[in-house]
Amino acid sequence: RVVCTTPGQSLEDAMILMTEKRVRHLPVLDDGQVLGLVSIG
């Protein structure tokens, strides 16, 4: 159950999501297509 983000999400909201879900990596999806992967770093 991977927590994901979208290309339109702000960095601040992504950081909040990562903190709340206690994850260090977020795949970036747009319409089910993988666009990239971002880390907390």
PDB file of all heavy atoms in Angstrom:
ATOM      1  N   ARG A   1       0.862  -1.190   0.000  1.00  0.00           N
ATOM      2  CA  ARG A   1       0.000   0.000   0.000  1.00  0.00           C
ATOM      3  C   ARG A   1       0.893   1.234   0.000  1.00  0.00           C
ATOM      4  O   ARG A   1       1.231   1.765   1.053  1.00  0.00           O
ATOM      5  CB  ARG A   1      -0.911   0.007   1.211  1.00  0.00           C
ATOM      6  CG  ARG A   1      -2.034  -0.976   1.087  1.00  0.00           C
ATOM      7  CD  ARG A   1      -3.129  -0.648   2.049  1.00  0.00           C
ATOM      8  NE  ARG A   1      -3.439  -1.855   2.818  1.00  0.00           N
ATOM      9  CZ  ARG A   1      -4.141  -1.862   3.912  1.00  0.00           C
ATOM     10  NH1 ARG A   1      -4.583  -0.758   4.415  1.00  0.00           N
ATOM     11  NH2 ARG A   1      -4.377  -2.992   4.532  1.00  0.00           N
ATOM     12  N   VAL A   2       1.240   1.658  -1.185  1.00  0.00           N
ATOM     13  CA  VAL A   2       2.189   2.757  -1.336  1.00  0.00           C
ATOM     14  C   VAL A   2       1.454   4.096  -1.323  1.00  0.00           C
ATOM     15  O   VAL A   2       0.473   4.278  -2.046  1.00  0.00           O
ATOM     16  CB  VAL A   2       2.994   2.604  -2.643  1.00  0.00           C
ATOM     17  CG1 VAL A   2       3.975   3.745  -2.816  1.00  0.00           C
ATOM     18  CG2 VAL A   2       3.720   1.262  -2.654  1.00  0.00           C
ATOM     19  N   VAL A   3       1.947   4.998  -0.503  1.00  0.00           N
ATOM     20  CA  VAL A   3       1.422   6.360  -0.454  1.00  0.00           C
ATOM     21  C   VAL A   3       2.014   7.099  -1.650  1.00  0.00           C
ATOM     22  O   VAL A   3       3.227   7.055  -1.870  1.00  0.00           O
ATOM     23  CB  VAL A   3       1.820   7.054   0.867  1.00  0.00           C
ATOM     24  CG1 VAL A   3       1.314   8.486   0.901  1.00  0.00           C
ATOM     25  CG2 VAL A   3       1.323   6.258   2.061  1.00  0.00           C
ATOM     26  N   CYS A   4       1.150   7.765  -2.419  1.00  0.00           N
ATOM     27  CA  CYS A   4       1.599   8.452  -3.629  1.00  0.00           C
ATOM     28  C   CYS A   4       1.214   9.929  -3.582  1.00  0.00           C
ATOM     29  O   CYS A   4       0.415  10.353  -2.758  1.00  0.00           O
ATOM     30  CB  CYS A   4       0.965   7.820  -4.859  1.00  0.00           C
ATOM     31  SG  CYS A   4       1.393   6.081  -5.082  1.00  0.00           S
ATOM     32  N   THR A   5       1.771  10.686  -4.513  1.00  0.00           N
ATOM     33  CA  THR A   5       1.437  12.097  -4.665  1.00  0.00           C
ATOM     34  C   THR A   5       1.151  12.377  -6.134  1.00  0.00           C
ATOM     35  O   THR A   5       1.292  11.495  -6.978  1.00  0.00           O
ATOM     36  CB  THR A   5       2.569  12.995  -4.127  1.00  0.00           C
ATOM     37  OG1 THR A   5       2.124  14.361  -4.125  1.00  0.00           O
ATOM     38  CG2 THR A   5       3.827  12.886  -4.959  1.00  0.00           C
ATOM     39  N   THR A   6       0.747  13.594  -6.406  1.00  0.00           N
ATOM     40  CA  THR A   6       0.453  14.020  -7.776  1.00  0.00           C
ATOM     41  C   THR A   6       1.405  15.159  -8.153  1.00  0.00           C
ATOM     42  O   THR A   6       1.954  15.825  -7.272  1.00  0.00           O
ATOM     43  CB  THR A   6      -0.990  14.528  -7.905  1.00  0.00           C
ATOM     44  OG1 THR A   6      -1.163  15.671  -7.059  1.00  0.00           O
ATOM     45  CG2 THR A   6      -1.987  13.438  -7.521  1.00  0.00           C
ATOM     46  N   PRO A   7       1.567  15.415  -9.439  1.00  0.00           N
ATOM     47  CA  PRO A   7       2.480  16.491  -9.852  1.00  0.00           C
ATOM     48  C   PRO A   7       2.019  17.872  -9.398  1.00  0.00           C
ATOM     49  O   PRO A   7       2.840  18.781  -9.237  1.00  0.00           O
ATOM     50  CB  PRO A   7       2.510  16.386 -11.377  1.00  0.00           C
ATOM     51  CG  PRO A   7       1.364  15.543 -11.766  1.00  0.00           C
ATOM     52  CD  PRO A   7       1.007  14.697 -10.587  1.00  0.00           C
ATOM     53  N   GLY A   8       0.730  18.045  -9.157  1.00  0.00           N
ATOM     54  CA  GLY A   8       0.217  19.352  -8.753  1.00  0.00           C
ATOM     55  C   GLY A   8       0.259  19.632  -7.261  1.00  0.00           C
ATOM     56  O   GLY A   8      -0.033  20.744  -6.824  1.00  0.00           O
ATOM     57  N   GLN A   9       0.646  18.645  -6.459  1.00  0.00           N
ATOM     58  CA  GLN A   9       0.696  18.848  -5.010  1.00  0.00           C
ATOM     59  C   GLN A   9       1.872  19.737  -4.650  1.00  0.00           C
ATOM     60  O   GLN A   9       2.945  19.660  -5.253  1.00  0.00           O
ATOM     61  CB  GLN A   9       0.797  17.510  -4.290  1.00  0.00           C
ATOM     62  CG  GLN A   9       0.637  17.629  -2.778  1.00  0.00           C
ATOM     63  CD  GLN A   9       0.479  16.286  -2.096  1.00  0.00           C
ATOM     64  OE1 GLN A   9       1.185  15.343  -2.408  1.00  0.00           O
ATOM     65  NE2 GLN A   9      -0.450  16.210  -1.164  1.00  0.00           N
ATOM     66  N   SER A  10       1.679  20.597  -3.668  1.00  0.00           N
ATOM     67  CA  SER A  10       2.772  21.465  -3.217  1.00  0.00           C
ATOM     68  C   SER A  10       3.795  20.647  -2.427  1.00  0.00           C
ATOM     69  O   SER A  10       3.457  19.595  -1.869  1.00  0.00           O
ATOM     70  CB  SER A  10       2.240  22.603  -2.340  1.00  0.00           C
ATOM     71  OG  SER A  10       1.824  22.106  -1.079  1.00  0.00           O
ATOM     72  N   LEU A  11       5.026  21.132  -2.395  1.00  0.00           N
ATOM     73  CA  LEU A  11       6.064  20.446  -1.621  1.00  0.00           C
ATOM     74  C   LEU A  11       5.686  20.399  -0.147  1.00  0.00           C
ATOM     75  O   LEU A  11       5.909  19.386   0.518  1.00  0.00           O
ATOM     76  CB  LEU A  11       7.415  21.138  -1.791  1.00  0.00           C
ATOM     77  CG  LEU A  11       7.996  21.211  -3.193  1.00  0.00           C
ATOM     78  CD1 LEU A  11       9.429  21.720  -3.137  1.00  0.00           C
ATOM     79  CD2 LEU A  11       7.920  19.900  -3.926  1.00  0.00           C
ATOM     80  N   GLU A  12       5.099  21.481   0.327  1.00  0.00           N
ATOM     81  CA  GLU A  12       4.694  21.530   1.737  1.00  0.00           C
ATOM     82  C   GLU A  12       3.654  20.458   2.040  1.00  0.00           C
ATOM     83  O   GLU A  12       3.763  19.732   3.036  1.00  0.00           O
ATOM     84  CB  GLU A  12       4.126  22.914   2.066  1.00  0.00           C
ATOM     85  CG  GLU A  12       3.723  23.079   3.509  1.00  0.00           C
ATOM     86  CD  GLU A  12       3.207  24.480   3.789  1.00  0.00           C
ATOM     87  OE1 GLU A  12       4.041  25.403   3.894  1.00  0.00           O
ATOM     88  OE2 GLU A  12       1.977  24.637   3.890  1.00  0.00           O
ATOM     89  N   ASP A  13       2.644  20.319   1.180  1.00  0.00           N
ATOM     90  CA  ASP A  13       1.619  19.296   1.398  1.00  0.00           C
ATOM     91  C   ASP A  13       2.195  17.887   1.276  1.00  0.00           C
ATOM     92  O   ASP A  13       1.794  16.980   2.005  1.00  0.00           O
ATOM     93  CB  ASP A  13       0.460  19.481   0.424  1.00  0.00           C
ATOM     94  CG  ASP A  13      -0.421  20.673   0.774  1.00  0.00           C
ATOM     95  OD1 ASP A  13      -0.341  21.167   1.919  1.00  0.00           O
ATOM     96  OD2 ASP A  13      -1.187  21.115  -0.108  1.00  0.00           O
ATOM     97  N   ALA A  14       3.141  17.711   0.361  1.00  0.00           N
ATOM     98  CA  ALA A  14       3.794  16.408   0.217  1.00  0.00           C
ATOM     99  C   ALA A  14       4.589  16.070   1.477  1.00  0.00           C
ATOM    100  O   ALA A  14       4.576  14.927   1.943  1.00  0.00           O
ATOM    101  CB  ALA A  14       4.692  16.389  -1.006  1.00  0.00           C
ATOM    102  N   MET A  15       5.242  17.073   2.050  1.00  0.00           N
ATOM    103  CA  MET A  15       6.013  16.845   3.267  1.00  0.00           C
ATOM    104  C   MET A  15       5.082  16.503   4.429  1.00  0.00           C
ATOM    105  O   MET A  15       5.386  15.617   5.233  1.00  0.00           O
ATOM    106  CB  MET A  15       6.864  18.064   3.605  1.00  0.00           C
ATOM    107  CG  MET A  15       7.824  17.806   4.747  1.00  0.00           C
ATOM    108  SD  MET A  15       8.968  19.153   5.030  1.00  0.00           S
ATOM    109  CE  MET A  15      10.147  18.831   3.753  1.00  0.00           C
ATOM    110  N   ILE A  16       3.954  17.170   4.506  1.00  0.00           N
ATOM    111  CA  ILE A  16       2.964  16.861   5.540  1.00  0.00           C
ATOM    112  C   ILE A  16       2.469  15.428   5.374  1.00  0.00           C
ATOM    113  O   ILE A  16       2.380  14.671   6.341  1.00  0.00           O
ATOM    114  CB  ILE A  16       1.792  17.873   5.504  1.00  0.00           C
ATOM    115  CG1 ILE A  16       2.272  19.247   5.984  1.00  0.00           C
ATOM    116  CG2 ILE A  16       0.608  17.384   6.336  1.00  0.00           C
ATOM    117  CD1 ILE A  16       1.290  20.378   5.714  1.00  0.00           C
ATOM    118  N   LEU A  17       2.162  15.048   4.140  1.00  0.00           N
ATOM    119  CA  LEU A  17       1.709  13.687   3.846  1.00  0.00           C
ATOM    120  C   LEU A  17       2.753  12.657   4.270  1.00  0.00           C
ATOM    121  O   LEU A  17       2.432  11.657   4.920  1.00  0.00           O
ATOM    122  CB  LEU A  17       1.407  13.552   2.347  1.00  0.00           C
ATOM    123  CG  LEU A  17       0.988  12.177   1.840  1.00  0.00           C
ATOM    124  CD1 LEU A  17      -0.337  11.742   2.456  1.00  0.00           C
ATOM    125  CD2 LEU A  17       0.896  12.198   0.316  1.00  0.00           C
ATOM    126  N   MET A  18       4.009  12.911   3.932  1.00  0.00           N
ATOM    127  CA  MET A  18       5.079  11.979   4.288  1.00  0.00           C
ATOM    128  C   MET A  18       5.218  11.856   5.802  1.00  0.00           C
ATOM    129  O   MET A  18       5.429  10.759   6.327  1.00  0.00           O
ATOM    130  CB  MET A  18       6.403  12.427   3.670  1.00  0.00           C
ATOM    131  CG  MET A  18       6.430  12.295   2.159  1.00  0.00           C
ATOM    132  SD  MET A  18       7.935  12.963   1.460  1.00  0.00           S
ATOM    133  CE  MET A  18       8.830  11.450   1.174  1.00  0.00           C
ATOM    134  N   THR A  19       5.095  12.977   6.489  1.00  0.00           N
ATOM    135  CA  THR A  19       5.203  12.974   7.949  1.00  0.00           C
ATOM    136  C   THR A  19       4.043  12.212   8.579  1.00  0.00           C
ATOM    137  O   THR A  19       4.250  11.377   9.464  1.00  0.00           O
ATOM    138  CB  THR A  19       5.255  14.419   8.484  1.00  0.00           C
ATOM    139  OG1 THR A  19       6.367  15.094   7.881  1.00  0.00           O
ATOM    140  CG2 THR A  19       5.395  14.450   9.992  1.00  0.00           C
ATOM    141  N   GLU A  20       2.829  12.487   8.116  1.00  0.00           N
ATOM    142  CA  GLU A  20       1.651  11.818   8.679  1.00  0.00           C
ATOM    143  C   GLU A  20       1.660  10.316   8.416  1.00  0.00           C
ATOM    144  O   GLU A  20       1.287   9.527   9.271  1.00  0.00           O
ATOM    145  CB  GLU A  20       0.374  12.425   8.096  1.00  0.00           C
ATOM    146  CG  GLU A  20       0.062  13.803   8.633  1.00  0.00           C
ATOM    147  CD  GLU A  20      -1.151  14.434   7.948  1.00  0.00           C
ATOM    148  OE1 GLU A  20      -1.667  13.874   6.955  1.00  0.00           O
ATOM    149  OE2 GLU A  20      -1.561  15.513   8.420  1.00  0.00           O
ATOM    150  N   LYS A  21       2.083   9.918   7.225  1.00  0.00           N
ATOM    151  CA  LYS A  21       2.076   8.504   6.850  1.00  0.00           C
ATOM    152  C   LYS A  21       3.380   7.790   7.199  1.00  0.00           C
ATOM    153  O   LYS A  21       3.497   6.583   6.994  1.00  0.00           O
ATOM    154  CB  LYS A  21       1.803   8.348   5.348  1.00  0.00           C
ATOM    155  CG  LYS A  21       0.471   8.917   4.907  1.00  0.00           C
ATOM    156  CD  LYS A  21      -0.682   8.163   5.520  1.00  0.00           C
ATOM    157  CE  LYS A  21      -2.004   8.683   4.996  1.00  0.00           C
ATOM    158  NZ  LYS A  21      -3.135   7.971   5.533  1.00  0.00           N
ATOM    159  N   ARG A  22       4.345   8.557   7.695  1.00  0.00           N
ATOM    160  CA  ARG A  22       5.638   8.015   8.118  1.00  0.00           C
ATOM    161  C   ARG A  22       6.348   7.254   6.989  1.00  0.00           C
ATOM    162  O   ARG A  22       6.772   6.113   7.155  1.00  0.00           O
ATOM    163  CB  ARG A  22       5.469   7.139   9.355  1.00  0.00           C
ATOM    164  CG  ARG A  22       4.876   7.899  10.525  1.00  0.00           C
ATOM    165  CD  ARG A  22       4.690   7.028  11.732  1.00  0.00           C
ATOM    166  NE  ARG A  22       5.944   6.468  12.182  1.00  0.00           N
ATOM    167  CZ  ARG A  22       6.669   6.909  13.215  1.00  0.00           C
ATOM    168  NH1 ARG A  22       6.229   7.924  13.909  1.00  0.00           N
ATOM    169  NH2 ARG A  22       7.794   6.314  13.536  1.00  0.00           N
ATOM    170  N   VAL A  23       6.430   7.928   5.824  1.00  0.00           N
ATOM    171  CA  VAL A  23       7.129   7.366   4.673  1.00  0.00           C
ATOM    172  C   VAL A  23       8.237   8.328   4.239  1.00  0.00           C
ATOM    173  O   VAL A  23       8.189   9.514   4.536  1.00  0.00           O
ATOM    174  CB  VAL A  23       6.177   7.082   3.481  1.00  0.00           C
ATOM    175  CG1 VAL A  23       5.141   6.036   3.873  1.00  0.00           C
ATOM    176  CG2 VAL A  23       5.499   8.340   2.975  1.00  0.00           C
ATOM    177  N   ARG A  24       9.202   7.790   3.531  1.00  0.00           N
ATOM    178  CA  ARG A  24      10.339   8.591   3.083  1.00  0.00           C
ATOM    179  C   ARG A  24      10.395   8.763   1.575  1.00  0.00           C
ATOM    180  O   ARG A  24      11.210   9.515   1.063  1.00  0.00           O
ATOM    181  CB  ARG A  24      11.636   7.948   3.553  1.00  0.00           C
ATOM    182  CG  ARG A  24      11.767   7.915   5.053  1.00  0.00           C
ATOM    183  CD  ARG A  24      13.036   7.239   5.468  1.00  0.00           C
ATOM    184  NE  ARG A  24      13.109   7.171   6.914  1.00  0.00           N
ATOM    185  CZ  ARG A  24      14.098   6.611   7.556  1.00  0.00           C
ATOM    186  NH1 ARG A  24      15.083   6.048   6.908  1.00  0.00           N
ATOM    187  NH2 ARG A  24      14.105   6.588   8.869  1.00  0.00           N
ATOM    188  N   HIS A  25       9.527   8.033   0.866  1.00  0.00           N
ATOM    189  CA  HIS A  25       9.522   8.086  -0.600  1.00  0.00           C
ATOM    190  C   HIS A  25       8.087   8.142  -1.110  1.00  0.00           C
ATOM    191  O   HIS A  25       7.235   7.398  -0.626  1.00  0.00           O
ATOM    192  CB  HIS A  25      10.221   6.855  -1.188  1.00  0.00           C
ATOM    193  CG  HIS A  25      11.621   6.713  -0.728  1.00  0.00           C
ATOM    194  ND1 HIS A  25      11.960   6.027   0.426  1.00  0.00           N
ATOM    195  CD2 HIS A  25      12.779   7.181  -1.240  1.00  0.00           C
ATOM    196  CE1 HIS A  25      13.264   6.084   0.599  1.00  0.00           C
ATOM    197  NE2 HIS A  25      13.788   6.767  -0.394  1.00  0.00           N
ATOM    198  N   LEU A  26       7.859   9.010  -2.103  1.00  0.00           N
ATOM    199  CA  LEU A  26       6.538   9.140  -2.700  1.00  0.00           C
ATOM    200  C   LEU A  26       6.624   8.991  -4.213  1.00  0.00           C
ATOM    201  O   LEU A  26       7.233   9.835  -4.889  1.00  0.00           O
ATOM    202  CB  LEU A  26       5.942  10.529  -2.418  1.00  0.00           C
ATOM    203  CG  LEU A  26       5.430  10.883  -1.045  1.00  0.00           C
ATOM    204  CD1 LEU A  26       4.984  12.346  -1.003  1.00  0.00           C
ATOM    205  CD2 LEU A  26       4.293   9.972  -0.644  1.00  0.00           C
ATOM    206  N   PRO A  27       6.022   7.962  -4.774  1.00  0.00           N
ATOM    207  CA  PRO A  27       5.896   7.923  -6.226  1.00  0.00           C
ATOM    208  C   PRO A  27       4.953   9.048  -6.664  1.00  0.00           C
ATOM    209  O   PRO A  27       3.990   9.369  -5.962  1.00  0.00           O
ATOM    210  CB  PRO A  27       5.266   6.560  -6.497  1.00  0.00           C
ATOM    211  CG  PRO A  27       5.563   5.749  -5.274  1.00  0.00           C
ATOM    212  CD  PRO A  27       5.555   6.729  -4.144  1.00  0.00           C
ATOM    213  N   VAL A  28       5.247   9.630  -7.793  1.00  0.00           N
ATOM    214  CA  VAL A  28       4.415  10.696  -8.345  1.00  0.00           C
ATOM    215  C   VAL A  28       3.613  10.091  -9.492  1.00  0.00           C
ATOM    216  O   VAL A  28       4.185   9.607 -10.466  1.00  0.00           O
ATOM    217  CB  VAL A  28       5.271  11.870  -8.853  1.00  0.00           C
ATOM    218  CG1 VAL A  28       4.385  12.988  -9.386  1.00  0.00           C
ATOM    219  CG2 VAL A  28       6.202  12.385  -7.759  1.00  0.00           C
ATOM    220  N   LEU A  29       2.279  10.101  -9.343  1.00  0.00           N
ATOM    221  CA  LEU A  29       1.397   9.504 -10.342  1.00  0.00           C
ATOM    222  C   LEU A  29       0.482  10.554 -10.950  1.00  0.00           C
ATOM    223  O   LEU A  29       0.014  11.460 -10.256  1.00  0.00           O
ATOM    224  CB  LEU A  29       0.530   8.408  -9.718  1.00  0.00           C
ATOM    225  CG  LEU A  29       1.224   7.235  -9.055  1.00  0.00           C
ATOM    226  CD1 LEU A  29       0.200   6.284  -8.455  1.00  0.00           C
ATOM    227  CD2 LEU A  29       2.103   6.498 -10.032  1.00  0.00           C
ATOM    228  N   ASP A  30       0.232  10.399 -12.233  1.00  0.00           N
ATOM    229  CA  ASP A  30      -0.741  11.228 -12.921  1.00  0.00           C
ATOM    230  C   ASP A  30      -1.585  10.296 -13.782  1.00  0.00           C
ATOM    231  O   ASP A  30      -1.068   9.684 -14.713  1.00  0.00           O
ATOM    232  CB  ASP A  30      -0.051  12.282 -13.783  1.00  0.00           C
ATOM    233  CG  ASP A  30      -1.028  13.288 -14.369  1.00  0.00           C
ATOM    234  OD1 ASP A  30      -2.124  13.459 -13.791  1.00  0.00           O
ATOM    235  OD2 ASP A  30      -0.698  13.899 -15.395  1.00  0.00           O
ATOM    236  N   ASP A  31      -2.842  10.159 -13.424  1.00  0.00           N
ATOM    237  CA  ASP A  31      -3.748   9.256 -14.146  1.00  0.00           C
ATOM    238  C   ASP A  31      -3.217   7.827 -14.190  1.00  0.00           C
ATOM    239  O   ASP A  31      -3.273   7.162 -15.220  1.00  0.00           O
ATOM    240  CB  ASP A  31      -3.970   9.774 -15.558  1.00  0.00           C
ATOM    241  CG  ASP A  31      -5.440   9.968 -15.873  1.00  0.00           C
ATOM    242  OD1 ASP A  31      -6.272   9.776 -14.965  1.00  0.00           O
ATOM    243  OD2 ASP A  31      -5.742  10.288 -17.032  1.00  0.00           O
ATOM    244  N   GLY A  32      -2.633   7.376 -13.073  1.00  0.00           N
ATOM    245  CA  GLY A  32      -2.100   6.023 -12.978  1.00  0.00           C
ATOM    246  C   GLY A  32      -0.721   5.833 -13.575  1.00  0.00           C
ATOM    247  O   GLY A  32      -0.117   4.778 -13.418  1.00  0.00           O
ATOM    248  N   GLN A  33      -0.204   6.845 -14.261  1.00  0.00           N
ATOM    249  CA  GLN A  33       1.125   6.755 -14.874  1.00  0.00           C
ATOM    250  C   GLN A  33       2.179   7.293 -13.911  1.00  0.00           C
ATOM    251  O   GLN A  33       2.015   8.369 -13.339  1.00  0.00           O
ATOM    252  CB  GLN A  33       1.171   7.542 -16.175  1.00  0.00           C
ATOM    253  CG  GLN A  33       2.509   7.468 -16.866  1.00  0.00           C
ATOM    254  CD  GLN A  33       2.537   8.289 -18.147  1.00  0.00           C
ATOM    255  OE1 GLN A  33       1.564   8.909 -18.540  1.00  0.00           O
ATOM    256  NE2 GLN A  33       3.681   8.310 -18.787  1.00  0.00           N
ATOM    257  N   VAL A  34       3.266   6.546 -13.743  1.00  0.00           N
ATOM    258  CA  VAL A  34       4.354   6.968 -12.861  1.00  0.00           C
ATOM    259  C   VAL A  34       5.179   8.050 -13.563  1.00  0.00           C
ATOM    260  O   VAL A  34       5.717   7.828 -14.647  1.00  0.00           O
ATOM    261  CB  VAL A  34       5.267   5.779 -12.489  1.00  0.00           C
ATOM    262  CG1 VAL A  34       6.423   6.256 -11.623  1.00  0.00           C
ATOM    263  CG2 VAL A  34       4.481   4.692 -11.793  1.00  0.00           C
ATOM    264  N   LEU A  35       5.262   9.221 -12.939  1.00  0.00           N
ATOM    265  CA  LEU A  35       6.031  10.331 -13.496  1.00  0.00           C
ATOM    266  C   LEU A  35       7.403  10.476 -12.835  1.00  0.00           C
ATOM    267  O   LEU A  35       8.298  11.083 -13.408  1.00  0.00           O
ATOM    268  CB  LEU A  35       5.273  11.651 -13.323  1.00  0.00           C
ATOM    269  CG  LEU A  35       3.903  11.755 -13.972  1.00  0.00           C
ATOM    270  CD1 LEU A  35       3.323  13.137 -13.721  1.00  0.00           C
ATOM    271  CD2 LEU A  35       3.979  11.459 -15.453  1.00  0.00           C
ATOM    272  N   GLY A  36       7.528   9.941 -11.636  1.00  0.00           N
ATOM    273  CA  GLY A  36       8.787  10.073 -10.914  1.00  0.00           C
ATOM    274  C   GLY A  36       8.642   9.572  -9.491  1.00  0.00           C
ATOM    275  O   GLY A  36       7.610   9.014  -9.116  1.00  0.00           O
ATOM    276  N   LEU A  37       9.681   9.809  -8.715  1.00  0.00           N
ATOM    277  CA  LEU A  37       9.712   9.407  -7.315  1.00  0.00           C
ATOM    278  C   LEU A  37      10.460  10.490  -6.555  1.00  0.00           C
ATOM    279  O   LEU A  37      11.539  10.905  -6.985  1.00  0.00           O
ATOM    280  CB  LEU A  37      10.433   8.064  -7.168  1.00  0.00           C
ATOM    281  CG  LEU A  37      10.512   7.446  -5.790  1.00  0.00           C
ATOM    282  CD1 LEU A  37       9.151   6.887  -5.371  1.00  0.00           C
ATOM    283  CD2 LEU A  37      11.543   6.324  -5.761  1.00  0.00           C
ATOM    284  N   VAL A  38       9.878  10.985  -5.472  1.00  0.00           N
ATOM    285  CA  VAL A  38      10.546  11.991  -4.657  1.00  0.00           C
ATOM    286  C   VAL A  38      10.790  11.449  -3.261  1.00  0.00           C
ATOM    287  O   VAL A  38       9.989  10.668  -2.740  1.00  0.00           O
ATOM    288  CB  VAL A  38       9.763  13.327  -4.598  1.00  0.00           C
ATOM    289  CG1 VAL A  38       9.688  13.980  -5.968  1.00  0.00           C
ATOM    290  CG2 VAL A  38       8.371  13.149  -4.031  1.00  0.00           C
ATOM    291  N   SER A  39      11.889  11.867  -2.681  1.00  0.00           N
ATOM    292  CA  SER A  39      12.236  11.445  -1.320  1.00  0.00           C
ATOM    293  C   SER A  39      12.094  12.623  -0.380  1.00  0.00           C
ATOM    294  O   SER A  39      12.018  13.783  -0.809  1.00  0.00           O
ATOM    295  CB  SER A  39      13.669  10.923  -1.278  1.00  0.00           C
ATOM    296  OG  SER A  39      14.579  11.998  -1.454  1.00  0.00           O
ATOM    297  N   ILE A  40      12.094  12.330   0.896  1.00  0.00           N
ATOM    298  CA  ILE A  40      12.045  13.397   1.894  1.00  0.00           C
ATOM    299  C   ILE A  40      13.262  14.307   1.734  1.00  0.00           C
ATOM    300  O   ILE A  40      13.156  15.520   1.877  1.00  0.00           O
ATOM    301  CB  ILE A  40      11.918  12.830   3.332  1.00  0.00           C
ATOM    302  CG1 ILE A  40      11.606  13.927   4.343  1.00  0.00           C
ATOM    303  CG2 ILE A  40      13.150  12.073   3.737  1.00  0.00           C
ATOM    304  CD1 ILE A  40      10.209  14.470   4.260  1.00  0.00           C
ATOM    305  N   GLY A  41      14.393  13.730   1.365  1.00  0.00           N
ATOM    306  CA  GLY A  41      15.602  14.530   1.133  1.00  0.00           C
ATOM    307  C   GLY A  41      15.428  15.490  -0.029  1.00  0.00           C
ATOM    308  O   GLY A  41      15.890  16.641   0.040  1.00  0.00           O
TER     309      GLY A  41
END
